Structure formats: C-alpha cells, structure tokens
Amino acid sequence: MRERLWLWFQPLIAALALGGFAAAGIFQAADRNDLIPSVQALITATFVYPGLALSMIVNQAIVMVRRPRLLTTLEKLLVLAQFGVAGLLALTSLETGALLSGFLLWPLLIIGAVSACFTMAGTTIRLRREYRQPLDVRDRVGDPVG
C-alpha cells in the first residue's frame, strides 16, 4: 500500500504546481498583480512551477511503463527533494525582497528535475531489458531435438 502512495506523489506535486501557475495566471489576467506577494512568486508561479509539473508528468509516464511500477529509493529521494525545494520557493516567495533565494533555488529544482528524469529513465530501461532477457540459453533456441 505504501508503494502505491508513491505512485500518486508525482501527479500530486504536478497538480499543486499547476494550481500555483493557474492562480498566478488568473491574478495577472484580472490585473491583480497586487495579490502576488513578490517578483520571485511571479516568476516561480509563471515559469518554474509549470516546468516542475511537466517534469513530474514525464517522470510519471516513464515509471508507468515499468514492471513493477515502483520507485527506487534514490528516485523517492529525488522526488522528495524537488518537493522540498518547491516548498521552499513557495515559502520564500512570500517575502517581497527574497529574489536572491529564488536565484539560488531555481537551479537546484532544475538539477533535481533533470536528475530524476535521467534516473527514472535509466531504471526503466534497465528493468525492461531484464524483463525481456531470457533466463537460460535453452529459452532462446528451444530444447535440442535429439
């Protein structure tokens, strides 16, 4: 049951990120930029969170083609790290003068997203190769007729 919850964590993060993006878009369309607390919040919600959501959706698609559909410990740590950095971005975006923290955290989030994607793709490729590989030479050529 615990492993199944991990499969829903990436879509949940994507939904939260898209929610932040939608809120910022609505505030901008309504010309209510005063509701966005800082420039960092504007940049994060408009550009960074949609990228995070896209990354999570791609990663989820990669994981869904595996058998079994489980995340490795490293993949779980990378997802948690991205969630943590995204949360820090949200918290630090509430301060009006916190643009420096955005400059420090945005690259960390990008590095985490790229690392997670490569790790999940590599694990999926390895698992699919293992699944397709026969266990014995006789499985490849059949039993010798004799």
Protein backbone atom coordinates (compact mmCIF):
# COMPACT_ATOMS: atom_id res chain seq x y z
CA MET A 1 0.00 0.00 0.00
CA ARG A 2 2.84 2.40 0.85
CA GLU A 3 4.43 1.88 -2.56
CA ARG A 4 1.16 2.71 -4.30
CA LEU A 5 1.09 6.05 -2.50
CA TRP A 6 4.44 6.91 -4.04
CA LEU A 7 2.90 6.48 -7.49
CA TRP A 8 0.45 9.28 -6.68
CA PHE A 9 3.04 11.64 -5.23
CA GLN A 10 4.38 12.92 -8.58
CA PRO A 11 0.90 13.65 -10.01
CA LEU A 12 0.03 15.39 -6.73
CA ILE A 13 3.10 17.62 -6.99
CA ALA A 14 2.24 18.33 -10.64
CA ALA A 15 -1.32 19.29 -9.67
CA LEU A 16 -0.10 21.63 -6.93
CA ALA A 17 2.39 23.25 -9.29
CA LEU A 18 -0.27 23.70 -11.97
CA GLY A 19 -2.57 25.18 -9.32
CA GLY A 20 0.07 27.81 -8.48
CA PHE A 21 0.51 28.52 -12.18
CA ALA A 22 -3.25 28.87 -12.68
CA ALA A 23 -3.60 31.21 -9.69
CA ALA A 24 -0.80 33.44 -10.94
CA GLY A 25 -2.29 33.45 -14.43
CA ILE A 26 -5.73 34.40 -13.12
CA PHE A 27 -4.29 37.20 -10.99
CA GLN A 28 -2.34 38.56 -13.96
CA ALA A 29 -5.32 38.31 -16.32
CA ALA A 30 -7.50 40.14 -13.81
CA ASP A 31 -4.77 42.80 -13.48
CA ARG A 32 -4.49 41.99 -9.77
CA ASN A 33 -0.72 41.69 -9.53
CA ASP A 34 -1.02 43.14 -6.04
CA LEU A 35 -2.23 39.68 -4.93
CA ILE A 36 1.11 38.17 -5.97
CA PRO A 37 3.40 38.77 -2.99
CA SER A 38 6.74 39.24 -4.77
CA VAL A 39 8.61 39.19 -8.05
CA GLN A 40 10.02 35.80 -7.04
CA ALA A 41 6.47 34.47 -6.57
CA LEU A 42 5.51 35.78 -10.00
CA ILE A 43 8.50 34.18 -11.72
CA THR A 44 8.18 30.93 -9.77
CA ALA A 45 4.46 30.51 -10.39
CA THR A 46 4.58 31.61 -14.03
CA PHE A 47 7.69 29.79 -15.25
CA VAL A 48 9.20 27.43 -12.67
CA TYR A 49 6.11 25.59 -11.46
CA PRO A 50 4.84 24.73 -14.97
CA GLY A 51 8.28 23.25 -15.70
CA LEU A 52 8.11 21.26 -12.46
CA ALA A 53 4.65 19.99 -13.38
CA LEU A 54 5.83 18.95 -16.84
CA SER A 55 8.82 17.18 -15.30
CA MET A 56 6.61 15.28 -12.85
CA ILE A 57 4.21 14.26 -15.63
CA VAL A 58 7.06 13.00 -17.83
CA ASN A 59 8.60 11.13 -14.88
CA GLN A 60 5.25 9.55 -14.07
CA ALA A 61 4.85 8.41 -17.67
CA ILE A 62 8.33 6.86 -17.53
CA VAL A 63 7.53 5.00 -14.31
CA MET A 64 4.17 3.75 -15.60
CA VAL A 65 5.79 1.71 -18.38
CA ARG A 66 7.83 -0.31 -15.87
CA ARG A 67 7.03 -3.65 -14.42
CA PRO A 68 6.74 -3.49 -11.45
CA ARG A 69 5.64 0.12 -11.14
CA LEU A 70 7.78 1.04 -8.15
CA LEU A 71 10.15 3.88 -7.39
CA THR A 72 13.65 3.10 -6.20
CA THR A 73 14.93 4.68 -3.00
CA LEU A 74 17.04 7.16 -4.98
CA GLU A 75 14.03 8.14 -7.10
CA LYS A 76 11.93 8.69 -3.98
CA LEU A 77 14.66 10.90 -2.54
CA LEU A 78 14.86 12.93 -5.76
CA VAL A 79 11.07 13.42 -5.79
CA LEU A 80 11.11 14.47 -2.13
CA ALA A 81 14.00 16.87 -2.81
CA GLN A 82 12.08 18.51 -5.66
CA PHE A 83 9.01 18.79 -3.45
CA GLY A 84 11.13 20.32 -0.68
CA VAL A 85 12.77 22.86 -2.98
CA ALA A 86 9.38 23.77 -4.49
CA GLY A 87 8.01 24.25 -0.98
CA LEU A 88 10.97 26.43 -0.02
CA LEU A 89 10.36 28.50 -3.14
CA ALA A 90 6.74 28.96 -2.12
CA LEU A 91 7.66 29.98 1.42
CA THR A 92 10.45 32.35 0.45
CA SER A 93 8.29 33.89 -2.28
CA LEU A 94 6.10 35.42 0.41
CA GLU A 95 8.81 37.97 1.24
CA THR A 96 8.94 40.91 -1.12
CA GLY A 97 12.74 41.14 -1.14
CA ALA A 98 13.51 37.44 -1.44
CA LEU A 99 14.58 37.31 -5.07
CA LEU A 100 18.06 36.07 -4.13
CA SER A 101 16.67 32.84 -2.69
CA GLY A 102 14.88 32.26 -5.98
CA PHE A 103 18.13 32.62 -7.88
CA LEU A 104 19.65 30.01 -5.58
CA LEU A 105 16.69 27.59 -5.52
CA TRP A 106 15.60 27.64 -9.16
CA PRO A 107 18.78 25.93 -10.41
CA LEU A 108 18.51 23.35 -7.63
CA LEU A 109 14.99 22.50 -8.74
CA ILE A 110 16.08 22.22 -12.37
CA ILE A 111 19.03 19.99 -11.44
CA GLY A 112 16.72 17.82 -9.33
CA ALA A 113 14.19 17.51 -12.13
CA VAL A 114 16.78 16.56 -14.74
CA SER A 115 18.46 14.11 -12.35
CA ALA A 116 15.13 12.48 -11.50
CA CYS A 117 14.21 12.14 -15.17
CA PHE A 118 17.53 10.55 -16.12
CA THR A 119 17.45 8.26 -13.09
CA MET A 120 13.88 7.10 -13.74
CA ALA A 121 14.52 6.61 -17.44
CA GLY A 122 17.69 4.63 -16.73
CA THR A 123 15.96 2.42 -14.17
CA THR A 124 13.04 1.83 -16.51
CA ILE A 125 15.33 0.87 -19.40
CA ARG A 126 17.31 -1.48 -17.17
CA LEU A 127 14.17 -3.14 -15.80
CA ARG A 128 12.67 -3.57 -19.26
CA ARG A 129 15.89 -5.15 -20.54
CA GLU A 130 15.96 -7.55 -17.59
CA TYR A 131 12.31 -8.42 -18.20
CA ARG A 132 12.91 -9.20 -21.88
CA GLN A 133 16.14 -11.12 -21.40
CA PRO A 134 15.70 -14.92 -21.31
CA LEU A 135 16.83 -16.67 -18.17
CA ASP A 136 18.52 -19.58 -19.91
CA VAL A 137 20.12 -20.32 -23.27
CA ARG A 138 17.54 -23.06 -23.90
CA ASP A 139 14.80 -20.44 -23.66
CA ARG A 140 16.30 -18.68 -26.70
CA VAL A 141 16.71 -21.61 -29.04
CA GLY A 142 14.35 -24.18 -27.53
CA ASP A 143 15.18 -27.67 -26.39
CA PRO A 144 17.55 -29.51 -28.70
CA VAL A 145 15.89 -32.24 -30.73
CA GLY A 146 17.71 -35.37 -30.16
